[in-house]
Amino acid sequence: MSIYISNLSSVSPSFACFVASELPLQTLTKKDIAKCLKALGVKNPEILSLKWKKELWIQLQIVAFSTMRV
């Protein structure tokens, strides 16, 4: 399965949370993950420009799960 979030014009916060909780890392690109982080309100360029996809993924999961628990 492959999903191309970068082709979407916008990503909602709820969809970003879905991505973080349901989709495997292998199906996403760094741009997909960054777009989801932005949808969740992350604006810090240091986070959005992390070098490794796994680092971005961890940040997405942290932000998404903290958002879902609020």
PDB file of N, CA and C in Angstrom:
ATOM      1  N   MET A   1       0.839  -1.183   0.000  1.00  0.00           N
ATOM      2  CA  MET A   1       0.000   0.000   0.000  1.00  0.00           C
ATOM      3  C   MET A   1       0.876   1.235   0.000  1.00  0.00           C
ATOM      4  N   SER A   2       0.476   2.194  -0.733  1.00  0.00           N
ATOM      5  CA  SER A   2       1.206   3.456  -0.761  1.00  0.00           C
ATOM      6  C   SER A   2       0.207   4.595  -0.710  1.00  0.00           C
ATOM      7  N   ILE A   3       0.520   5.584   0.086  1.00  0.00           N
ATOM      8  CA  ILE A   3      -0.351   6.752   0.189  1.00  0.00           C
ATOM      9  C   ILE A   3       0.491   7.977  -0.105  1.00  0.00           C
ATOM     10  N   TYR A   4      -0.049   8.901  -0.841  1.00  0.00           N
ATOM     11  CA  TYR A   4       0.698  10.092  -1.224  1.00  0.00           C
ATOM     12  C   TYR A   4       0.014  11.319  -0.650  1.00  0.00           C
ATOM     13  N   ILE A   5       0.306  11.608   0.589  1.00  0.00           N
ATOM     14  CA  ILE A   5      -0.279  12.749   1.266  1.00  0.00           C
ATOM     15  C   ILE A   5       0.180  14.039   0.617  1.00  0.00           C
ATOM     16  N   SER A   6       1.399  14.042   0.095  1.00  0.00           N
ATOM     17  CA  SER A   6       1.925  15.269  -0.508  1.00  0.00           C
ATOM     18  C   SER A   6       1.087  15.721  -1.701  1.00  0.00           C
ATOM     19  N   ASN A   7       0.297  14.825  -2.289  1.00  0.00           N
ATOM     20  CA  ASN A   7      -0.583  15.201  -3.398  1.00  0.00           C
ATOM     21  C   ASN A   7      -1.865  15.880  -2.923  1.00  0.00           C
ATOM     22  N   LEU A   8      -2.153  15.789  -1.630  1.00  0.00           N
ATOM     23  CA  LEU A   8      -3.343  16.438  -1.092  1.00  0.00           C
ATOM     24  C   LEU A   8      -3.068  17.916  -0.884  1.00  0.00           C
ATOM     25  N   SER A   9      -4.059  18.754  -1.164  1.00  0.00           N
ATOM     26  CA  SER A   9      -3.855  20.198  -0.999  1.00  0.00           C
ATOM     27  C   SER A   9      -3.792  20.582   0.467  1.00  0.00           C
ATOM     28  N   SER A  10      -4.524  19.861   1.312  1.00  0.00           N
ATOM     29  CA  SER A  10      -4.448  20.129   2.747  1.00  0.00           C
ATOM     30  C   SER A  10      -4.713  18.845   3.516  1.00  0.00           C
ATOM     31  N   VAL A  11      -4.192  18.810   4.728  1.00  0.00           N
ATOM     32  CA  VAL A  11      -4.366  17.661   5.610  1.00  0.00           C
ATOM     33  C   VAL A  11      -4.986  18.184   6.895  1.00  0.00           C
ATOM     34  N   SER A  12      -6.055  17.557   7.338  1.00  0.00           N
ATOM     35  CA  SER A  12      -6.696  17.986   8.580  1.00  0.00           C
ATOM     36  C   SER A  12      -5.940  17.402   9.773  1.00  0.00           C
ATOM     37  N   PRO A  13      -6.066  18.023  10.932  1.00  0.00           N
ATOM     38  CA  PRO A  13      -5.434  17.464  12.129  1.00  0.00           C
ATOM     39  C   PRO A  13      -5.921  16.047  12.440  1.00  0.00           C
ATOM     40  N   SER A  14      -7.199  15.776  12.217  1.00  0.00           N
ATOM     41  CA  SER A  14      -7.701  14.426  12.502  1.00  0.00           C
ATOM     42  C   SER A  14      -7.108  13.399  11.539  1.00  0.00           C
ATOM     43  N   PHE A  15      -6.922  13.788  10.278  1.00  0.00           N
ATOM     44  CA  PHE A  15      -6.289  12.870   9.328  1.00  0.00           C
ATOM     45  C   PHE A  15      -4.824  12.648   9.701  1.00  0.00           C
ATOM     46  N   ALA A  16      -4.150  13.699  10.150  1.00  0.00           N
ATOM     47  CA  ALA A  16      -2.755  13.565  10.582  1.00  0.00           C
ATOM     48  C   ALA A  16      -2.653  12.602  11.761  1.00  0.00           C
ATOM     49  N   CYS A  17      -3.603  12.667  12.680  1.00  0.00           N
ATOM     50  CA  CYS A  17      -3.622  11.726  13.810  1.00  0.00           C
ATOM     51  C   CYS A  17      -3.869  10.302  13.325  1.00  0.00           C
ATOM     52  N   PHE A  18      -4.758  10.160  12.336  1.00  0.00           N
ATOM     53  CA  PHE A  18      -5.007   8.846  11.745  1.00  0.00           C
ATOM     54  C   PHE A  18      -3.724   8.288  11.128  1.00  0.00           C
ATOM     55  N   VAL A  19      -3.021   9.112  10.385  1.00  0.00           N
ATOM     56  CA  VAL A  19      -1.768   8.691   9.754  1.00  0.00           C
ATOM     57  C   VAL A  19      -0.788   8.202  10.818  1.00  0.00           C
ATOM     58  N   ALA A  20      -0.655   8.971  11.901  1.00  0.00           N
ATOM     59  CA  ALA A  20       0.296   8.623  12.959  1.00  0.00           C
ATOM     60  C   ALA A  20      -0.064   7.319  13.658  1.00  0.00           C
ATOM     61  N   SER A  21      -1.355   7.047  13.776  1.00  0.00           N
ATOM     62  CA  SER A  21      -1.763   5.869  14.540  1.00  0.00           C
ATOM     63  C   SER A  21      -2.001   4.622  13.698  1.00  0.00           C
ATOM     64  N   GLU A  22      -2.294   4.796  12.415  1.00  0.00           N
ATOM     65  CA  GLU A  22      -2.722   3.646  11.616  1.00  0.00           C
ATOM     66  C   GLU A  22      -1.816   3.259  10.445  1.00  0.00           C
ATOM     67  N   LEU A  23      -1.045   4.186   9.934  1.00  0.00           N
ATOM     68  CA  LEU A  23      -0.244   3.864   8.750  1.00  0.00           C
ATOM     69  C   LEU A  23       1.185   3.513   9.133  1.00  0.00           C
ATOM     70  N   PRO A  24       1.753   2.505   8.479  1.00  0.00           N
ATOM     71  CA  PRO A  24       3.148   2.162   8.759  1.00  0.00           C
ATOM     72  C   PRO A  24       4.105   3.183   8.147  1.00  0.00           C
ATOM     73  N   LEU A  25       5.212   3.361   8.806  1.00  0.00           N
ATOM     74  CA  LEU A  25       6.232   4.316   8.373  1.00  0.00           C
ATOM     75  C   LEU A  25       6.639   4.089   6.919  1.00  0.00           C
ATOM     76  N   GLN A  26       6.715   2.847   6.493  1.00  0.00           N
ATOM     77  CA  GLN A  26       7.191   2.513   5.154  1.00  0.00           C
ATOM     78  C   GLN A  26       6.296   3.063   4.050  1.00  0.00           C
ATOM     79  N   THR A  27       5.053   3.398   4.368  1.00  0.00           N
ATOM     80  CA  THR A  27       4.132   3.881   3.338  1.00  0.00           C
ATOM     81  C   THR A  27       4.192   5.391   3.156  1.00  0.00           C
ATOM     82  N   LEU A  28       5.018   6.066   3.950  1.00  0.00           N
ATOM     83  CA  LEU A  28       5.058   7.529   3.942  1.00  0.00           C
ATOM     84  C   LEU A  28       6.410   8.058   3.495  1.00  0.00           C
ATOM     85  N   THR A  29       6.387   9.254   2.943  1.00  0.00           N
ATOM     86  CA  THR A  29       7.632   9.953   2.625  1.00  0.00           C
ATOM     87  C   THR A  29       7.890  10.991   3.713  1.00  0.00           C
ATOM     88  N   LYS A  30       9.095  11.551   3.705  1.00  0.00           N
ATOM     89  CA  LYS A  30       9.407  12.621   4.654  1.00  0.00           C
ATOM     90  C   LYS A  30       8.458  13.800   4.458  1.00  0.00           C
ATOM     91  N   LYS A  31       8.128  14.110   3.215  1.00  0.00           N
ATOM     92  CA  LYS A  31       7.205  15.221   2.926  1.00  0.00           C
ATOM     93  C   LYS A  31       5.813  14.942   3.486  1.00  0.00           C
ATOM     94  N   ASP A  32       5.368  13.687   3.379  1.00  0.00           N
ATOM     95  CA  ASP A  32       4.071  13.309   3.943  1.00  0.00           C
ATOM     96  C   ASP A  32       4.045  13.564   5.445  1.00  0.00           C
ATOM     97  N   ILE A  33       5.091  13.121   6.120  1.00  0.00           N
ATOM     98  CA  ILE A  33       5.161  13.261   7.577  1.00  0.00           C
ATOM     99  C   ILE A  33       5.230  14.734   7.963  1.00  0.00           C
ATOM    100  N   ALA A  34       6.035  15.508   7.243  1.00  0.00           N
ATOM    101  CA  ALA A  34       6.146  16.942   7.527  1.00  0.00           C
ATOM    102  C   ALA A  34       4.802  17.641   7.324  1.00  0.00           C
ATOM    103  N   LYS A  35       4.056  17.245   6.300  1.00  0.00           N
ATOM    104  CA  LYS A  35       2.743  17.850   6.047  1.00  0.00           C
ATOM    105  C   LYS A  35       1.783  17.543   7.197  1.00  0.00           C
ATOM    106  N   CYS A  36       1.855  16.337   7.723  1.00  0.00           N
ATOM    107  CA  CYS A  36       1.016  15.978   8.865  1.00  0.00           C
ATOM    108  C   CYS A  36       1.423  16.764  10.109  1.00  0.00           C
ATOM    109  N   LEU A  37       2.713  16.923  10.318  1.00  0.00           N
ATOM    110  CA  LEU A  37       3.179  17.719  11.455  1.00  0.00           C
ATOM    111  C   LEU A  37       2.669  19.153  11.359  1.00  0.00           C
ATOM    112  N   LYS A  38       2.726  19.724  10.169  1.00  0.00           N
ATOM    113  CA  LYS A  38       2.223  21.088   9.969  1.00  0.00           C
ATOM    114  C   LYS A  38       0.721  21.153  10.253  1.00  0.00           C
ATOM    115  N   ALA A  39      -0.012  20.121   9.846  1.00  0.00           N
ATOM    116  CA  ALA A  39      -1.455  20.091  10.102  1.00  0.00           C
ATOM    117  C   ALA A  39      -1.758  20.068  11.595  1.00  0.00           C
ATOM    118  N   LEU A  40      -0.832  19.519  12.368  1.00  0.00           N
ATOM    119  CA  LEU A  40      -1.008  19.464  13.817  1.00  0.00           C
ATOM    120  C   LEU A  40      -0.449  20.694  14.515  1.00  0.00           C
ATOM    121  N   GLY A  41      -0.016  21.673  13.726  1.00  0.00           N
ATOM    122  CA  GLY A  41       0.419  22.942  14.292  1.00  0.00           C
ATOM    123  C   GLY A  41       1.901  23.082  14.556  1.00  0.00           C
ATOM    124  N   VAL A  42       2.699  22.117  14.125  1.00  0.00           N
ATOM    125  CA  VAL A  42       4.150  22.207  14.322  1.00  0.00           C
ATOM    126  C   VAL A  42       4.713  23.181  13.292  1.00  0.00           C
ATOM    127  N   LYS A  43       5.391  24.209  13.779  1.00  0.00           N
ATOM    128  CA  LYS A  43       5.966  25.216  12.885  1.00  0.00           C
ATOM    129  C   LYS A  43       7.472  25.342  13.054  1.00  0.00           C
ATOM    130  N   ASN A  44       8.028  24.634  14.016  1.00  0.00           N
ATOM    131  CA  ASN A  44       9.452  24.716  14.313  1.00  0.00           C
ATOM    132  C   ASN A  44      10.266  24.152  13.144  1.00  0.00           C
ATOM    133  N   PRO A  45      11.070  24.998  12.471  1.00  0.00           N
ATOM    134  CA  PRO A  45      11.844  24.520  11.321  1.00  0.00           C
ATOM    135  C   PRO A  45      12.875  23.457  11.693  1.00  0.00           C
ATOM    136  N   GLU A  46      13.337  23.462  12.934  1.00  0.00           N
ATOM    137  CA  GLU A  46      14.292  22.430  13.358  1.00  0.00           C
ATOM    138  C   GLU A  46      13.643  21.054  13.352  1.00  0.00           C
ATOM    139  N   ILE A  47      12.386  20.990  13.710  1.00  0.00           N
ATOM    140  CA  ILE A  47      11.668  19.712  13.688  1.00  0.00           C
ATOM    141  C   ILE A  47      11.295  19.343  12.260  1.00  0.00           C
ATOM    142  N   LEU A  48      10.756  20.290  11.518  1.00  0.00           N
ATOM    143  CA  LEU A  48      10.278  20.001  10.162  1.00  0.00           C
ATOM    144  C   LEU A  48      11.398  19.641   9.196  1.00  0.00           C
ATOM    145  N   SER A  49      12.627  20.002   9.530  1.00  0.00           N
ATOM    146  CA  SER A  49      13.744  19.698   8.628  1.00  0.00           C
ATOM    147  C   SER A  49      14.667  18.614   9.181  1.00  0.00           C
ATOM    148  N   LEU A  50      14.155  17.785  10.086  1.00  0.00           N
ATOM    149  CA  LEU A  50      14.977  16.684  10.595  1.00  0.00           C
ATOM    150  C   LEU A  50      15.450  15.814   9.434  1.00  0.00           C
ATOM    151  N   LYS A  51      16.663  15.326   9.552  1.00  0.00           N
ATOM    152  CA  LYS A  51      17.305  14.621   8.444  1.00  0.00           C
ATOM    153  C   LYS A  51      16.700  13.239   8.176  1.00  0.00           C
ATOM    154  N   TRP A  52      16.374  12.521   9.221  1.00  0.00           N
ATOM    155  CA  TRP A  52      15.946  11.131   9.060  1.00  0.00           C
ATOM    156  C   TRP A  52      14.434  10.997   9.152  1.00  0.00           C
ATOM    157  N   LYS A  53      13.880  10.191   8.276  1.00  0.00           N
ATOM    158  CA  LYS A  53      12.438   9.954   8.242  1.00  0.00           C
ATOM    159  C   LYS A  53      11.948   9.398   9.579  1.00  0.00           C
ATOM    160  N   LYS A  54      12.722   8.518  10.180  1.00  0.00           N
ATOM    161  CA  LYS A  54      12.341   7.914  11.468  1.00  0.00           C
ATOM    162  C   LYS A  54      12.215   8.985  12.552  1.00  0.00           C
ATOM    163  N   GLU A  55      13.099   9.985  12.540  1.00  0.00           N
ATOM    164  CA  GLU A  55      13.024  11.079  13.518  1.00  0.00           C
ATOM    165  C   GLU A  55      11.735  11.876  13.336  1.00  0.00           C
ATOM    166  N   LEU A  56      11.395  12.179  12.101  1.00  0.00           N
ATOM    167  CA  LEU A  56      10.147  12.897  11.815  1.00  0.00           C
ATOM    168  C   LEU A  56       8.941  12.076  12.263  1.00  0.00           C
ATOM    169  N   TRP A  57       8.997  10.794  11.995  1.00  0.00           N
ATOM    170  CA  TRP A  57       7.909   9.884  12.350  1.00  0.00           C
ATOM    171  C   TRP A  57       7.678   9.879  13.862  1.00  0.00           C
ATOM    172  N   ILE A  58       8.754   9.820  14.619  1.00  0.00           N
ATOM    173  CA  ILE A  58       8.644   9.836  16.082  1.00  0.00           C
ATOM    174  C   ILE A  58       8.005  11.144  16.547  1.00  0.00           C
ATOM    175  N   GLN A  59       8.430  12.260  15.957  1.00  0.00           N
ATOM    176  CA  GLN A  59       7.841  13.554  16.308  1.00  0.00           C
ATOM    177  C   GLN A  59       6.346  13.581  15.976  1.00  0.00           C
ATOM    178  N   LEU A  60       5.978  13.036  14.830  1.00  0.00           N
ATOM    179  CA  LEU A  60       4.566  12.994  14.445  1.00  0.00           C
ATOM    180  C   LEU A  60       3.763  12.188  15.457  1.00  0.00           C
ATOM    181  N   GLN A  61       4.274  11.048  15.850  1.00  0.00           N
ATOM    182  CA  GLN A  61       3.554  10.223  16.810  1.00  0.00           C
ATOM    183  C   GLN A  61       3.411  10.924  18.156  1.00  0.00           C
ATOM    184  N   ILE A  62       4.458  11.584  18.610  1.00  0.00           N
ATOM    185  CA  ILE A  62       4.400  12.305  19.885  1.00  0.00           C
ATOM    186  C   ILE A  62       3.340  13.399  19.825  1.00  0.00           C
ATOM    187  N   VAL A  63       3.395  14.214  18.779  1.00  0.00           N
ATOM    188  CA  VAL A  63       2.449  15.331  18.654  1.00  0.00           C
ATOM    189  C   VAL A  63       1.023  14.810  18.477  1.00  0.00           C
ATOM    190  N   ALA A  64       0.843  13.810  17.642  1.00  0.00           N
ATOM    191  CA  ALA A  64      -0.501  13.285  17.379  1.00  0.00           C
ATOM    192  C   ALA A  64      -1.113  12.688  18.639  1.00  0.00           C
ATOM    193  N   PHE A  65      -0.352  11.901  19.359  1.00  0.00           N
ATOM    194  CA  PHE A  65      -0.909  11.264  20.546  1.00  0.00           C
ATOM    195  C   PHE A  65      -1.159  12.260  21.664  1.00  0.00           C
ATOM    196  N   SER A  66      -0.340  13.296  21.755  1.00  0.00           N
ATOM    197  CA  SER A  66      -0.608  14.327  22.765  1.00  0.00           C
ATOM    198  C   SER A  66      -1.835  15.146  22.371  1.00  0.00           C
ATOM    199  N   THR A  67      -2.067  15.307  21.075  1.00  0.00           N
ATOM    200  CA  THR A  67      -3.253  16.017  20.586  1.00  0.00           C
ATOM    201  C   THR A  67      -4.517  15.204  20.850  1.00  0.00           C
ATOM    202  N   MET A  68      -4.441  13.897  20.647  1.00  0.00           N
ATOM    203  CA  MET A  68      -5.611  13.038  20.823  1.00  0.00           C
ATOM    204  C   MET A  68      -6.033  12.944  22.285  1.00  0.00           C
ATOM    205  N   ARG A  69      -5.117  13.118  23.203  1.00  0.00           N
ATOM    206  CA  ARG A  69      -5.427  12.969  24.625  1.00  0.00           C
ATOM    207  C   ARG A  69      -5.955  14.244  25.254  1.00  0.00           C
ATOM    208  N   VAL A  70      -5.925  15.341  24.518  1.00  0.00           N
ATOM    209  CA  VAL A  70      -6.387  16.621  25.079  1.00  0.00           C
ATOM    210  C   VAL A  70      -7.889  16.691  25.060  1.00  0.00           C
TER     211      VAL A  70
END
